[in-house]
């Protein structure tokens, strides 16, 4: 299978707001020639004078993966369409296959077991093809935050160790929010550090309130957030070190509002 490209072959008429296009998902593993399945594609319409431009009336946000054959769909009126009563001529979009025989996406078929070190994961591509490569984006958190050396000038209010970075490495598969890191964003850590009455941050292990969430090939950088009203003199930062890994956690699920 491959990913999709789109072509508007009939512009339609009478649309008051951009219509909706429902792109079918690729066949599941049981019916897909690749034996694995695929990734559903998604996109959106734009109208001009009630029609879809033949050149740019439909844009793919995610070209998907694992589609075995081309197909045609129509652009259906939006539920908020004001021109339903006056009549609408539906636009037509043809989806063709590109990238057949190459890697256009990856699906996890075996989640494995817990790892002591997320960076231990390596992926290999097997089968008839050659030259393919995959990099695992594995979630990790801060399990330990330690301070060595001495930091001074931090006033008397406890300092907050937080993080910047930890974003995924951009992939090479085009037209996918996953390839450019838009499908997921890191969550900064929140770790408390004790400050002495003299404004010193000494050697210690921080108190982790939230270890954050990052990707193993985008390790975060530790920074100290301080209250500028409580600092005294020149700030000299201590040496910070983060230990990354996984840990047991609790997830609470509730209905959407």
Protein backbone atom coordinates (compact mmCIF):
# COMPACT_ATOMS: atom_id res chain seq x y z
CA UNK A 1 0.00 0.00 0.00
CA UNK A 2 0.91 3.66 -0.04
CA UNK A 3 -0.21 7.14 0.97
CA UNK A 4 -2.71 9.35 -0.80
CA UNK A 5 -2.62 12.26 -3.20
CA UNK A 6 -5.82 14.16 -4.05
CA UNK A 7 -7.23 15.80 -7.16
CA UNK A 8 -10.48 17.76 -7.35
CA UNK A 9 -12.07 16.67 -10.64
CA UNK A 10 -15.44 18.37 -10.19
CA UNK A 11 -15.67 21.75 -8.42
CA UNK A 12 -19.31 21.52 -7.42
CA UNK A 13 -21.43 24.61 -6.77
CA UNK A 14 -23.62 26.31 -4.19
CA UNK A 15 -21.55 25.68 -1.06
CA UNK A 16 -22.01 28.40 1.57
CA UNK A 17 -19.37 27.02 3.92
CA UNK A 18 -16.53 24.54 3.21
CA UNK A 19 -17.92 21.01 2.79
CA UNK A 20 -16.70 17.90 4.54
CA UNK A 21 -14.81 15.00 2.99
CA UNK A 22 -14.98 11.62 4.69
CA UNK A 23 -11.91 9.62 3.67
CA UNK A 24 -12.31 5.90 4.32
CA UNK A 25 -9.67 4.22 6.44
CA UNK A 26 -7.32 1.74 4.78
CA UNK A 27 -8.37 -1.92 5.07
CA UNK A 28 -7.53 -3.64 8.37
CA UNK A 29 -4.86 -6.30 8.62
CA UNK A 30 -7.26 -9.12 7.75
CA UNK A 31 -8.19 -7.51 4.40
CA UNK A 32 -5.10 -5.48 3.56
CA UNK A 33 -2.57 -6.92 1.08
CA UNK A 34 0.25 -5.72 3.35
CA UNK A 35 -1.06 -7.92 6.19
CA UNK A 36 -0.76 -5.10 8.73
CA UNK A 37 -3.29 -2.38 8.00
CA UNK A 38 -2.69 1.33 7.65
CA UNK A 39 -3.06 4.88 8.94
CA UNK A 40 -6.23 6.85 8.05
CA UNK A 41 -5.73 10.01 5.99
CA UNK A 42 -7.35 13.36 6.75
CA UNK A 43 -7.77 16.74 5.06
CA UNK A 44 -9.99 19.78 4.59
CA UNK A 45 -11.79 21.77 1.88
CA UNK A 46 -11.62 25.42 0.88
CA UNK A 47 -14.24 27.14 -1.27
CA UNK A 48 -14.34 30.18 -3.52
CA UNK A 49 -17.66 31.53 -4.81
CA UNK A 50 -19.37 28.37 -3.65
CA UNK A 51 -17.05 25.93 -5.43
CA UNK A 52 -13.90 23.92 -4.76
CA UNK A 53 -10.95 25.11 -6.79
CA UNK A 54 -9.67 22.38 -9.11
CA UNK A 55 -6.13 23.39 -8.13
CA UNK A 56 -6.40 23.80 -4.36
CA UNK A 57 -9.94 23.01 -3.25
CA UNK A 58 -8.84 20.14 -1.02
CA UNK A 59 -5.71 19.85 1.12
CA UNK A 60 -4.37 16.72 2.79
CA UNK A 61 -3.28 17.16 6.40
CA UNK A 62 -2.20 13.55 6.72
CA UNK A 63 -1.63 11.47 3.61
CA UNK A 64 -2.13 8.26 5.56
CA UNK A 65 -0.47 4.92 4.83
CA UNK A 66 -1.42 1.40 3.75
CA UNK A 67 -3.97 2.32 1.07
CA UNK A 68 -3.95 -0.42 -1.62
CA UNK A 69 -6.13 1.16 -4.33
CA UNK A 70 -7.38 4.52 -5.59
CA UNK A 71 -10.95 5.68 -4.88
CA UNK A 72 -13.33 8.60 -5.39
CA UNK A 73 -15.42 10.53 -2.84
CA UNK A 74 -17.78 13.50 -2.90
CA UNK A 75 -17.60 16.64 -0.75
CA UNK A 76 -20.69 16.53 1.46
CA UNK A 77 -22.41 19.69 2.79
CA UNK A 78 -21.45 20.72 6.31
CA UNK A 79 -24.08 20.32 9.05
CA UNK A 80 -24.03 24.14 9.25
CA UNK A 81 -24.51 24.58 5.49
CA UNK A 82 -26.88 27.59 4.93
CA UNK A 83 -27.64 26.71 1.29
CA UNK A 84 -29.21 23.28 1.78
CA UNK A 85 -32.66 24.53 0.76
CA UNK A 86 -31.43 26.26 -2.43
CA UNK A 87 -29.57 23.22 -3.74
CA UNK A 88 -25.93 22.17 -3.91
CA UNK A 89 -23.97 20.39 -6.63
CA UNK A 90 -21.52 18.06 -4.92
CA UNK A 91 -17.83 18.31 -5.75
CA UNK A 92 -15.86 15.16 -6.55
CA UNK A 93 -12.35 14.29 -5.38
CA UNK A 94 -10.18 11.44 -6.62
CA UNK A 95 -7.59 9.94 -4.27
CA UNK A 96 -4.64 8.24 -5.94
CA UNK A 97 -1.87 6.14 -4.42
CA UNK A 98 1.73 7.27 -4.17
CA UNK A 99 4.74 5.73 -2.47
CA UNK A 100 3.64 2.17 -3.15
CA UNK A 101 6.37 -0.25 -2.14
CA UNK A 102 8.04 2.32 0.13
CA UNK A 103 7.59 3.02 3.85
CA UNK A 104 4.80 5.59 4.28
CA UNK A 105 3.95 4.82 7.90
CA UNK A 106 4.56 2.37 10.73
CA UNK A 107 2.12 0.48 12.96
CA UNK A 108 3.04 -1.18 16.25
CA UNK A 109 1.88 -4.81 16.21
CA UNK A 110 3.71 -5.88 19.39
CA UNK A 111 4.05 -3.44 22.29
CA UNK A 112 6.64 -5.60 24.05
CA UNK A 113 7.33 -5.28 27.79
CA UNK A 114 8.52 -2.54 30.15
CA UNK A 115 12.03 -1.20 29.53
CA UNK A 116 14.54 -0.03 32.10
CA UNK A 117 16.03 2.30 29.50
CA UNK A 118 13.80 3.67 26.70
CA UNK A 119 16.86 4.35 24.58
CA UNK A 120 17.43 0.59 24.26
CA UNK A 121 14.78 0.34 21.52
CA UNK A 122 15.99 -0.27 17.99
CA UNK A 123 13.75 -0.98 15.01
CA UNK A 124 14.63 -2.93 11.90
CA UNK A 125 12.78 -3.25 8.60
CA UNK A 126 12.39 -6.78 7.27
CA UNK A 127 10.93 -8.21 4.08
CA UNK A 128 11.70 -7.84 0.40
CA UNK A 129 12.57 -4.14 0.54
CA UNK A 130 15.95 -2.57 1.19
CA UNK A 131 17.38 0.67 2.59
CA UNK A 132 14.41 1.41 4.88
CA UNK A 133 15.02 2.67 8.41
CA UNK A 134 12.82 3.56 11.38
CA UNK A 135 13.51 5.42 14.60
CA UNK A 136 11.45 4.70 17.71
CA UNK A 137 9.88 7.71 19.43
CA UNK A 138 9.46 6.37 23.00
CA UNK A 139 7.90 8.39 25.78
CA UNK A 140 9.98 8.94 28.90
CA UNK A 141 9.86 11.01 32.07
CA UNK A 142 12.28 12.41 34.66
CA UNK A 143 12.86 9.76 37.34
CA UNK A 144 15.58 11.62 39.28
CA UNK A 145 16.77 15.24 39.31
CA UNK A 146 20.02 15.89 41.12
CA UNK A 147 22.04 19.00 41.96
CA UNK A 148 25.82 19.04 42.26
CA UNK A 149 28.02 22.00 43.03
CA UNK A 150 26.46 25.09 44.60
CA UNK A 151 24.10 27.68 43.21
CA UNK A 152 23.87 31.10 44.82
CA UNK A 153 21.73 34.23 44.68
CA UNK A 154 18.34 32.46 44.70
CA UNK A 155 16.77 34.35 47.62
CA UNK A 156 14.69 32.51 50.21
CA UNK A 157 11.85 31.08 48.10
CA UNK A 158 12.14 27.44 46.98
CA UNK A 159 13.28 27.20 43.38
CA UNK A 160 11.48 25.28 40.64
CA UNK A 161 13.43 23.02 38.35
CA UNK A 162 11.61 22.74 35.05
CA UNK A 163 12.56 21.77 31.52
CA UNK A 164 12.69 22.97 27.93
CA UNK A 165 12.89 20.81 24.84
CA UNK A 166 12.15 17.11 24.63
CA UNK A 167 10.47 17.36 21.24
CA UNK A 168 10.50 14.54 18.68
CA UNK A 169 12.96 14.41 15.83
CA UNK A 170 11.28 15.26 12.52
CA UNK A 171 10.75 12.31 10.21
CA UNK A 172 11.09 12.12 6.44
CA UNK A 173 7.57 10.91 5.60
CA UNK A 174 5.84 13.97 4.12
CA UNK A 175 2.26 15.19 4.63
CA UNK A 176 1.89 13.65 8.08
CA UNK A 177 1.50 15.54 11.39
CA UNK A 178 3.61 12.79 12.98
CA UNK A 179 6.59 13.46 10.72
CA UNK A 180 6.93 17.09 11.81
CA UNK A 181 6.13 16.58 15.47
CA UNK A 182 2.68 18.17 15.44
CA UNK A 183 0.86 15.12 16.76
CA UNK A 184 2.50 15.33 20.18
CA UNK A 185 4.04 18.00 22.39
CA UNK A 186 6.30 17.55 25.44
CA UNK A 187 5.07 18.34 28.95
CA UNK A 188 7.62 20.24 31.10
CA UNK A 189 8.73 18.75 34.40
CA UNK A 190 8.04 20.40 37.77
CA UNK A 191 10.63 19.56 40.42
CA UNK A 192 11.16 21.40 43.72
CA UNK A 193 14.63 22.40 44.93
CA UNK A 194 15.38 23.51 48.49
CA UNK A 195 16.99 26.94 48.97
CA UNK A 196 18.84 27.88 52.16
CA UNK A 197 18.29 31.12 54.06
CA UNK A 198 21.42 32.44 52.35
CA UNK A 199 19.91 31.87 48.92
CA UNK A 200 22.03 28.83 48.16
CA UNK A 201 20.97 25.72 46.26
CA UNK A 202 23.24 22.97 47.53
CA UNK A 203 23.85 19.37 46.56
CA UNK A 204 20.50 17.56 46.74
CA UNK A 205 17.95 15.39 45.00
CA UNK A 206 14.92 17.37 43.91
CA UNK A 207 11.33 16.59 44.85
CA UNK A 208 9.48 15.50 41.70
CA UNK A 209 5.93 16.83 41.53
CA UNK A 210 5.62 16.03 37.84
CA UNK A 211 8.39 14.34 35.89
CA UNK A 212 6.97 15.66 32.63
CA UNK A 213 6.75 13.69 29.41
CA UNK A 214 9.30 13.63 26.62
CA UNK A 215 10.62 11.52 23.77
CA UNK A 216 13.75 9.43 24.19
CA UNK A 217 15.44 10.95 21.14
CA UNK A 218 14.58 14.48 22.28
CA UNK A 219 15.89 14.65 25.86
CA UNK A 220 14.94 17.87 27.72
CA UNK A 221 17.28 20.46 29.20
CA UNK A 222 16.95 21.31 32.89
CA UNK A 223 16.44 24.95 33.84
CA UNK A 224 15.68 26.70 37.14
CA UNK A 225 12.74 29.08 37.34
CA UNK A 226 13.13 31.66 40.11
CA UNK A 227 11.10 34.55 41.49
CA UNK A 228 12.99 37.70 40.42
CA UNK A 229 11.63 39.55 43.47
CA UNK A 230 13.37 37.13 45.84
CA UNK A 231 16.78 36.84 44.18
CA UNK A 232 19.82 38.35 45.88
CA UNK A 233 22.83 39.53 43.93
CA UNK A 234 24.25 37.66 40.97
CA UNK A 235 22.72 34.27 40.31
CA UNK A 236 25.20 31.43 39.92
CA UNK A 237 23.45 28.30 38.68
CA UNK A 238 24.31 24.88 40.13
CA UNK A 239 25.04 21.85 37.99
CA UNK A 240 21.84 19.95 37.18
CA UNK A 241 21.46 16.36 36.01
CA UNK A 242 18.31 14.51 34.91
CA UNK A 243 17.86 10.76 34.89
CA UNK A 244 15.31 9.72 32.28
CA UNK A 245 13.22 6.57 32.21
CA UNK A 246 9.73 5.25 32.90
CA UNK A 247 7.68 5.01 36.06
CA UNK A 248 4.31 3.73 37.23
CA UNK A 249 1.57 6.36 37.06
CA UNK A 250 -2.20 6.76 37.33
CA UNK A 251 -4.40 7.93 34.47
CA UNK A 252 -7.88 9.26 35.21
CA UNK A 253 -10.42 9.04 32.36
CA UNK A 254 -13.72 10.89 32.33
CA UNK A 255 -16.41 11.73 29.79
CA UNK A 256 -15.93 14.82 27.67
CA UNK A 257 -17.94 17.90 28.72
